[in-house]
All heavy atoms as atom14 arrays in JSON, in Angstrom:
{
  "sequence": "LFWRGLLAWQGRPLPGRWPLLLLIATTAGLTLL",
  "atom14_mask": [
    [1, 1, 1, 1, 1, 1, 1, 1, 0, 0, 0, 0, 0, 0],
    [1, 1, 1, 1, 1, 1, 1, 1, 1, 1, 1, 0, 0, 0],
    [1, 1, 1, 1, 1, 1, 1, 1, 1, 1, 1, 1, 1, 1],
    [1, 1, 1, 1, 1, 1, 1, 1, 1, 1, 1, 0, 0, 0],
    [1, 1, 1, 1, 0, 0, 0, 0, 0, 0, 0, 0, 0, 0],
    [1, 1, 1, 1, 1, 1, 1, 1, 0, 0, 0, 0, 0, 0],
    [1, 1, 1, 1, 1, 1, 1, 1, 0, 0, 0, 0, 0, 0],
    [1, 1, 1, 1, 1, 0, 0, 0, 0, 0, 0, 0, 0, 0],
    [1, 1, 1, 1, 1, 1, 1, 1, 1, 1, 1, 1, 1, 1],
    [1, 1, 1, 1, 1, 1, 1, 1, 1, 0, 0, 0, 0, 0],
    [1, 1, 1, 1, 0, 0, 0, 0, 0, 0, 0, 0, 0, 0],
    [1, 1, 1, 1, 1, 1, 1, 1, 1, 1, 1, 0, 0, 0],
    [1, 1, 1, 1, 1, 1, 1, 0, 0, 0, 0, 0, 0, 0],
    [1, 1, 1, 1, 1, 1, 1, 1, 0, 0, 0, 0, 0, 0],
    [1, 1, 1, 1, 1, 1, 1, 0, 0, 0, 0, 0, 0, 0],
    [1, 1, 1, 1, 0, 0, 0, 0, 0, 0, 0, 0, 0, 0],
    [1, 1, 1, 1, 1, 1, 1, 1, 1, 1, 1, 0, 0, 0],
    [1, 1, 1, 1, 1, 1, 1, 1, 1, 1, 1, 1, 1, 1],
    [1, 1, 1, 1, 1, 1, 1, 0, 0, 0, 0, 0, 0, 0],
    [1, 1, 1, 1, 1, 1, 1, 1, 0, 0, 0, 0, 0, 0],
    [1, 1, 1, 1, 1, 1, 1, 1, 0, 0, 0, 0, 0, 0],
    [1, 1, 1, 1, 1, 1, 1, 1, 0, 0, 0, 0, 0, 0],
    [1, 1, 1, 1, 1, 1, 1, 1, 0, 0, 0, 0, 0, 0],
    [1, 1, 1, 1, 1, 1, 1, 1, 0, 0, 0, 0, 0, 0],
    [1, 1, 1, 1, 1, 0, 0, 0, 0, 0, 0, 0, 0, 0],
    [1, 1, 1, 1, 1, 1, 1, 0, 0, 0, 0, 0, 0, 0],
    [1, 1, 1, 1, 1, 1, 1, 0, 0, 0, 0, 0, 0, 0],
    [1, 1, 1, 1, 1, 0, 0, 0, 0, 0, 0, 0, 0, 0],
    [1, 1, 1, 1, 0, 0, 0, 0, 0, 0, 0, 0, 0, 0],
    [1, 1, 1, 1, 1, 1, 1, 1, 0, 0, 0, 0, 0, 0],
    [1, 1, 1, 1, 1, 1, 1, 0, 0, 0, 0, 0, 0, 0],
    [1, 1, 1, 1, 1, 1, 1, 1, 0, 0, 0, 0, 0, 0],
    [1, 1, 1, 1, 1, 1, 1, 1, 0, 0, 0, 0, 0, 0]
  ],
  "atom14_positions": [
    [[-9.07, -4.34, 0.8], [-9.7, -3.34, 0.04], [-8.69, -2.41, -0.66], [-8.85, -1.89, -1.81], [-10.71, -2.57, 1.02], [-11.88, -3.23, 1.48], [-12.74, -2.34, 2.45], [-12.75, -3.81, 0.45], [0.0, 0.0, 0.0], [0.0, 0.0, 0.0], [0.0, 0.0, 0.0], [0.0, 0.0, 0.0], [0.0, 0.0, 0.0], [0.0, 0.0, 0.0]],
    [[-7.65, -2.07, 0.12], [-6.5, -1.32, -0.51], [-5.93, -1.89, -1.68], [-5.68, -1.34, -2.73], [-5.59, -0.89, 0.53], [-4.43, -0.09, 0.0], [-4.49, 1.27, -0.22], [-3.18, -0.7, -0.18], [-3.48, 2.08, -0.71], [-2.16, 0.06, -0.74], [-2.28, 1.44, -0.89], [0.0, 0.0, 0.0], [0.0, 0.0, 0.0], [0.0, 0.0, 0.0]],
    [[-5.71, -3.25, -1.47], [-5.04, -3.99, -2.55], [-5.99, -3.89, -3.93], [-5.58, -3.79, -4.99], [-4.78, -5.33, -2.14], [-4.09, -6.35, -3.18], [-3.4, -5.95, -4.22], [-4.19, -7.74, -3.17], [-2.95, -7.05, -4.92], [-3.43, -8.12, -4.27], [-4.78, -8.71, -2.26], [-3.24, -9.47, -4.61], [-4.68, -9.93, -2.61], [-3.87, -10.43, -3.79]],
    [[-7.25, -4.21, -3.6], [-8.28, -4.17, -4.76], [-8.3, -2.84, -5.4], [-8.3, -2.76, -6.66], [-9.65, -4.73, -4.19], [-10.58, -4.7, -5.34], [-10.26, -5.89, -6.35], [-11.16, -6.04, -7.46], [-11.09, -5.29, -8.6], [-10.14, -4.37, -8.76], [-12.02, -5.41, -9.62], [0.0, 0.0, 0.0], [0.0, 0.0, 0.0], [0.0, 0.0, 0.0]],
    [[-8.29, -1.81, -4.66], [-8.27, -0.47, -5.15], [-6.99, -0.16, -6.04], [-7.23, 0.45, -7.09], [0.0, 0.0, 0.0], [0.0, 0.0, 0.0], [0.0, 0.0, 0.0], [0.0, 0.0, 0.0], [0.0, 0.0, 0.0], [0.0, 0.0, 0.0], [0.0, 0.0, 0.0], [0.0, 0.0, 0.0], [0.0, 0.0, 0.0], [0.0, 0.0, 0.0]],
    [[-5.87, -0.68, -5.57], [-4.68, -0.45, -6.24], [-4.74, -1.25, -7.62], [-4.22, -0.7, -8.61], [-3.5, -0.83, -5.45], [-2.12, -0.6, -5.89], [-1.88, 0.91, -5.96], [-1.0, -1.21, -5.07], [0.0, 0.0, 0.0], [0.0, 0.0, 0.0], [0.0, 0.0, 0.0], [0.0, 0.0, 0.0], [0.0, 0.0, 0.0], [0.0, 0.0, 0.0]],
    [[-5.18, -2.46, -7.62], [-5.28, -3.19, -8.8], [-6.2, -2.44, -9.81], [-5.87, -2.43, -11.1], [-5.89, -4.63, -8.59], [-4.99, -5.5, -7.71], [-5.75, -6.88, -7.44], [-3.6, -5.74, -8.5], [0.0, 0.0, 0.0], [0.0, 0.0, 0.0], [0.0, 0.0, 0.0], [0.0, 0.0, 0.0], [0.0, 0.0, 0.0], [0.0, 0.0, 0.0]],
    [[-7.36, -1.9, -9.33], [-8.28, -1.26, -10.32], [-7.57, 0.04, -10.73], [-7.77, 0.42, -11.96], [-9.44, -0.88, -9.51], [0.0, 0.0, 0.0], [0.0, 0.0, 0.0], [0.0, 0.0, 0.0], [0.0, 0.0, 0.0], [0.0, 0.0, 0.0], [0.0, 0.0, 0.0], [0.0, 0.0, 0.0], [0.0, 0.0, 0.0], [0.0, 0.0, 0.0]],
    [[-6.89, 0.79, -9.88], [-6.16, 2.05, -10.36], [-5.11, 1.76, -11.38], [-4.95, 2.57, -12.31], [-5.68, 2.78, -9.15], [-5.0, 4.07, -9.42], [-3.73, 4.36, -9.68], [-5.61, 5.27, -9.43], [-3.38, 5.61, -9.82], [-4.72, 6.34, -9.74], [-7.02, 5.75, -9.28], [-4.9, 7.63, -9.8], [-7.3, 7.06, -9.39], [-6.32, 8.0, -9.74]],
    [[-4.41, 0.7, -11.14], [-3.31, 0.44, -12.11], [-3.72, -0.38, -13.36], [-2.82, -0.65, -14.23], [-2.16, -0.27, -11.32], [-1.46, 0.62, -10.19], [-0.41, -0.04, -9.48], [-0.2, -1.28, -9.65], [0.29, 0.68, -8.68], [0.0, 0.0, 0.0], [0.0, 0.0, 0.0], [0.0, 0.0, 0.0], [0.0, 0.0, 0.0], [0.0, 0.0, 0.0]],
    [[-4.96, -0.87, -13.3], [-5.51, -1.62, -14.38], [-4.78, -3.0, -14.56], [-4.79, -3.61, -15.48], [0.0, 0.0, 0.0], [0.0, 0.0, 0.0], [0.0, 0.0, 0.0], [0.0, 0.0, 0.0], [0.0, 0.0, 0.0], [0.0, 0.0, 0.0], [0.0, 0.0, 0.0], [0.0, 0.0, 0.0], [0.0, 0.0, 0.0], [0.0, 0.0, 0.0]],
    [[-4.35, -3.59, -13.33], [-3.77, -4.93, -13.23], [-4.67, -6.0, -13.16], [-5.86, -5.69, -12.59], [-2.72, -4.92, -12.15], [-1.57, -3.84, -12.45], [-0.65, -3.78, -11.11], [0.02, -4.98, -10.81], [0.61, -5.15, -9.72], [0.76, -4.2, -8.83], [1.25, -6.36, -9.51], [0.0, 0.0, 0.0], [0.0, 0.0, 0.0], [0.0, 0.0, 0.0]],
    [[-4.49, -7.17, -13.53], [-5.36, -8.39, -13.5], [-5.69, -8.75, -11.99], [-4.83, -8.55, -11.12], [-4.74, -9.44, -14.23], [-3.29, -9.08, -14.09], [-3.05, -7.59, -14.16], [0.0, 0.0, 0.0], [0.0, 0.0, 0.0], [0.0, 0.0, 0.0], [0.0, 0.0, 0.0], [0.0, 0.0, 0.0], [0.0, 0.0, 0.0], [0.0, 0.0, 0.0]],
    [[-6.73, -9.38, -11.74], [-7.14, -9.82, -10.35], [-6.3, -11.15, -10.07], [-5.85, -11.87, -10.95], [-8.64, -10.2, -10.36], [-9.47, -8.98, -10.54], [-10.93, -9.41, -10.49], [-9.34, -7.88, -9.5], [0.0, 0.0, 0.0], [0.0, 0.0, 0.0], [0.0, 0.0, 0.0], [0.0, 0.0, 0.0], [0.0, 0.0, 0.0], [0.0, 0.0, 0.0]],
    [[-6.12, -11.36, -8.82], [-5.31, -12.7, -8.43], [-6.04, -13.87, -8.85], [-7.27, -13.82, -8.97], [-5.17, -12.44, -6.79], [-6.41, -11.62, -6.45], [-6.51, -10.62, -7.6], [0.0, 0.0, 0.0], [0.0, 0.0, 0.0], [0.0, 0.0, 0.0], [0.0, 0.0, 0.0], [0.0, 0.0, 0.0], [0.0, 0.0, 0.0], [0.0, 0.0, 0.0]],
    [[-5.37, -14.95, -8.86], [-5.88, -16.27, -9.22], [-6.7, -16.95, -8.02], [-6.8, -16.33, -6.97], [0.0, 0.0, 0.0], [0.0, 0.0, 0.0], [0.0, 0.0, 0.0], [0.0, 0.0, 0.0], [0.0, 0.0, 0.0], [0.0, 0.0, 0.0], [0.0, 0.0, 0.0], [0.0, 0.0, 0.0], [0.0, 0.0, 0.0], [0.0, 0.0, 0.0]],
    [[-6.85, -18.18, -8.19], [-7.67, -18.93, -7.3], [-6.84, -19.28, -6.01], [-7.38, -19.17, -4.91], [-8.09, -20.24, -7.91], [-9.0, -21.18, -6.95], [-9.51, -22.34, -7.68], [-10.29, -21.97, -8.71], [-10.86, -22.83, -9.68], [-10.62, -24.13, -9.52], [-11.68, -22.36, -10.54], [0.0, 0.0, 0.0], [0.0, 0.0, 0.0], [0.0, 0.0, 0.0]],
    [[-5.58, -19.58, -6.12], [-4.79, -20.03, -5.03], [-4.55, -19.0, -3.98], [-4.75, -19.26, -2.76], [-3.42, -20.61, -5.45], [-3.55, -21.93, -6.19], [-3.39, -22.1, -7.56], [-3.98, -23.14, -5.63], [-3.63, -23.41, -7.88], [-4.0, -24.05, -6.7], [-4.29, -23.63, -4.34], [-4.33, -25.47, -6.56], [-4.67, -24.95, -4.13], [-4.67, -25.84, -5.18]],
    [[-4.27, -17.69, -4.3], [-4.2, -16.67, -3.22], [-5.6, -16.58, -2.52], [-5.5, -16.28, -1.27], [-3.89, -15.41, -4.12], [-3.19, -15.94, -5.24], [-3.83, -17.19, -5.62], [0.0, 0.0, 0.0], [0.0, 0.0, 0.0], [0.0, 0.0, 0.0], [0.0, 0.0, 0.0], [0.0, 0.0, 0.0], [0.0, 0.0, 0.0], [0.0, 0.0, 0.0]],
    [[-6.62, -16.58, -3.28], [-7.95, -16.59, -2.65], [-8.2, -17.68, -1.64], [-8.65, -17.53, -0.56], [-9.05, -16.4, -3.63], [-9.12, -15.17, -4.42], [-10.23, -15.37, -5.39], [-9.27, -14.03, -3.63], [0.0, 0.0, 0.0], [0.0, 0.0, 0.0], [0.0, 0.0, 0.0], [0.0, 0.0, 0.0], [0.0, 0.0, 0.0], [0.0, 0.0, 0.0]],
    [[-7.89, -18.9, -1.95], [-7.99, -20.02, -1.15], [-7.03, -19.95, 0.12], [-7.58, -20.34, 1.26], [-7.67, -21.39, -1.91], [-8.57, -21.78, -2.93], [-8.09, -22.99, -3.72], [-9.95, -22.09, -2.37], [0.0, 0.0, 0.0], [0.0, 0.0, 0.0], [0.0, 0.0, 0.0], [0.0, 0.0, 0.0], [0.0, 0.0, 0.0], [0.0, 0.0, 0.0]],
    [[-5.92, -19.3, -0.03], [-5.06, -19.08, 1.11], [-5.65, -18.11, 2.07], [-5.62, -18.31, 3.26], [-3.62, -18.64, 0.6], [-2.62, -18.35, 1.63], [-2.27, -19.58, 2.5], [-1.35, -17.8, 1.1], [0.0, 0.0, 0.0], [0.0, 0.0, 0.0], [0.0, 0.0, 0.0], [0.0, 0.0, 0.0], [0.0, 0.0, 0.0], [0.0, 0.0, 0.0]],
    [[-6.24, -17.09, 1.51], [-6.92, -16.0, 2.32], [-8.11, -16.72, 3.13], [-8.33, -16.45, 4.28], [-7.41, -14.87, 1.5], [-6.3, -13.76, 1.17], [-6.96, -12.77, 0.26], [-5.93, -13.1, 2.47], [0.0, 0.0, 0.0], [0.0, 0.0, 0.0], [0.0, 0.0, 0.0], [0.0, 0.0, 0.0], [0.0, 0.0, 0.0], [0.0, 0.0, 0.0]],
    [[-8.85, -17.43, 2.38], [-10.09, -18.11, 3.08], [-9.54, -19.02, 4.25], [-10.11, -18.97, 5.25], [-10.87, -18.95, 2.01], [-11.5, -17.97, 0.97], [-11.92, -19.74, 2.81], [-12.27, -18.64, -0.07], [0.0, 0.0, 0.0], [0.0, 0.0, 0.0], [0.0, 0.0, 0.0], [0.0, 0.0, 0.0], [0.0, 0.0, 0.0], [0.0, 0.0, 0.0]],
    [[-8.53, -19.87, 3.96], [-8.02, -20.79, 5.04], [-7.5, -19.98, 6.24], [-7.73, -20.25, 7.36], [-6.99, -21.65, 4.4], [0.0, 0.0, 0.0], [0.0, 0.0, 0.0], [0.0, 0.0, 0.0], [0.0, 0.0, 0.0], [0.0, 0.0, 0.0], [0.0, 0.0, 0.0], [0.0, 0.0, 0.0], [0.0, 0.0, 0.0], [0.0, 0.0, 0.0]],
    [[-6.78, -18.88, 5.92], [-6.19, -17.96, 6.98], [-7.38, -17.35, 7.77], [-7.26, -17.41, 8.99], [-5.4, -16.93, 6.36], [-4.33, -17.47, 5.57], [-4.82, -15.98, 7.47], [0.0, 0.0, 0.0], [0.0, 0.0, 0.0], [0.0, 0.0, 0.0], [0.0, 0.0, 0.0], [0.0, 0.0, 0.0], [0.0, 0.0, 0.0], [0.0, 0.0, 0.0]],
    [[-8.4, -16.85, 7.14], [-9.61, -16.29, 7.81], [-10.25, -17.32, 8.63], [-10.55, -17.03, 9.85], [-10.52, -15.7, 6.75], [-9.89, -14.61, 5.98], [-11.71, -15.15, 7.49], [0.0, 0.0, 0.0], [0.0, 0.0, 0.0], [0.0, 0.0, 0.0], [0.0, 0.0, 0.0], [0.0, 0.0, 0.0], [0.0, 0.0, 0.0], [0.0, 0.0, 0.0]],
    [[-10.56, -18.52, 8.24], [-11.18, -19.62, 8.95], [-10.31, -19.87, 10.15], [-10.82, -20.06, 11.29], [-11.47, -20.72, 8.1], [0.0, 0.0, 0.0], [0.0, 0.0, 0.0], [0.0, 0.0, 0.0], [0.0, 0.0, 0.0], [0.0, 0.0, 0.0], [0.0, 0.0, 0.0], [0.0, 0.0, 0.0], [0.0, 0.0, 0.0], [0.0, 0.0, 0.0]],
    [[-8.96, -20.07, 9.98], [-8.16, -20.42, 11.1], [-8.06, -19.36, 12.12], [-8.05, -19.64, 13.37], [0.0, 0.0, 0.0], [0.0, 0.0, 0.0], [0.0, 0.0, 0.0], [0.0, 0.0, 0.0], [0.0, 0.0, 0.0], [0.0, 0.0, 0.0], [0.0, 0.0, 0.0], [0.0, 0.0, 0.0], [0.0, 0.0, 0.0], [0.0, 0.0, 0.0]],
    [[-7.94, -18.08, 11.71], [-7.84, -17.05, 12.78], [-9.23, -16.94, 13.49], [-9.21, -16.49, 14.62], [-7.47, -15.67, 12.04], [-6.05, -15.6, 11.58], [-5.85, -14.42, 10.82], [-5.05, -15.7, 12.73], [0.0, 0.0, 0.0], [0.0, 0.0, 0.0], [0.0, 0.0, 0.0], [0.0, 0.0, 0.0], [0.0, 0.0, 0.0], [0.0, 0.0, 0.0]],
    [[-10.31, -16.96, 12.77], [-11.56, -16.88, 13.36], [-11.79, -18.0, 14.39], [-12.3, -17.87, 15.55], [-12.75, -17.05, 12.28], [-12.58, -15.98, 11.43], [-14.05, -16.84, 13.0], [0.0, 0.0, 0.0], [0.0, 0.0, 0.0], [0.0, 0.0, 0.0], [0.0, 0.0, 0.0], [0.0, 0.0, 0.0], [0.0, 0.0, 0.0], [0.0, 0.0, 0.0]],
    [[-11.38, -19.27, 14.05], [-11.47, -20.38, 15.02], [-10.56, -20.18, 16.23], [-10.89, -20.46, 17.33], [-11.05, -21.63, 14.32], [-11.34, -22.97, 15.1], [-12.82, -23.18, 15.33], [-10.88, -24.19, 14.23], [0.0, 0.0, 0.0], [0.0, 0.0, 0.0], [0.0, 0.0, 0.0], [0.0, 0.0, 0.0], [0.0, 0.0, 0.0], [0.0, 0.0, 0.0]],
    [[-9.38, -19.57, 15.9], [-8.4, -19.39, 17.03], [-9.0, -18.26, 17.99], [-8.73, -18.3, 19.13], [-7.09, -18.94, 16.52], [-5.9, -18.71, 17.46], [-5.54, -20.01, 18.22], [-4.66, -18.17, 16.75], [0.0, 0.0, 0.0], [0.0, 0.0, 0.0], [0.0, 0.0, 0.0], [0.0, 0.0, 0.0], [0.0, 0.0, 0.0], [0.0, 0.0, 0.0]]
  ]
}
């Protein structure tokens, strides 16, 4: 949420697909663990 707010404040573009896929895989792995 802080990262997304910083991007909006600075007017920078949103991340691409690969960072999001990495976050999803990390979340699923930590949840399973």
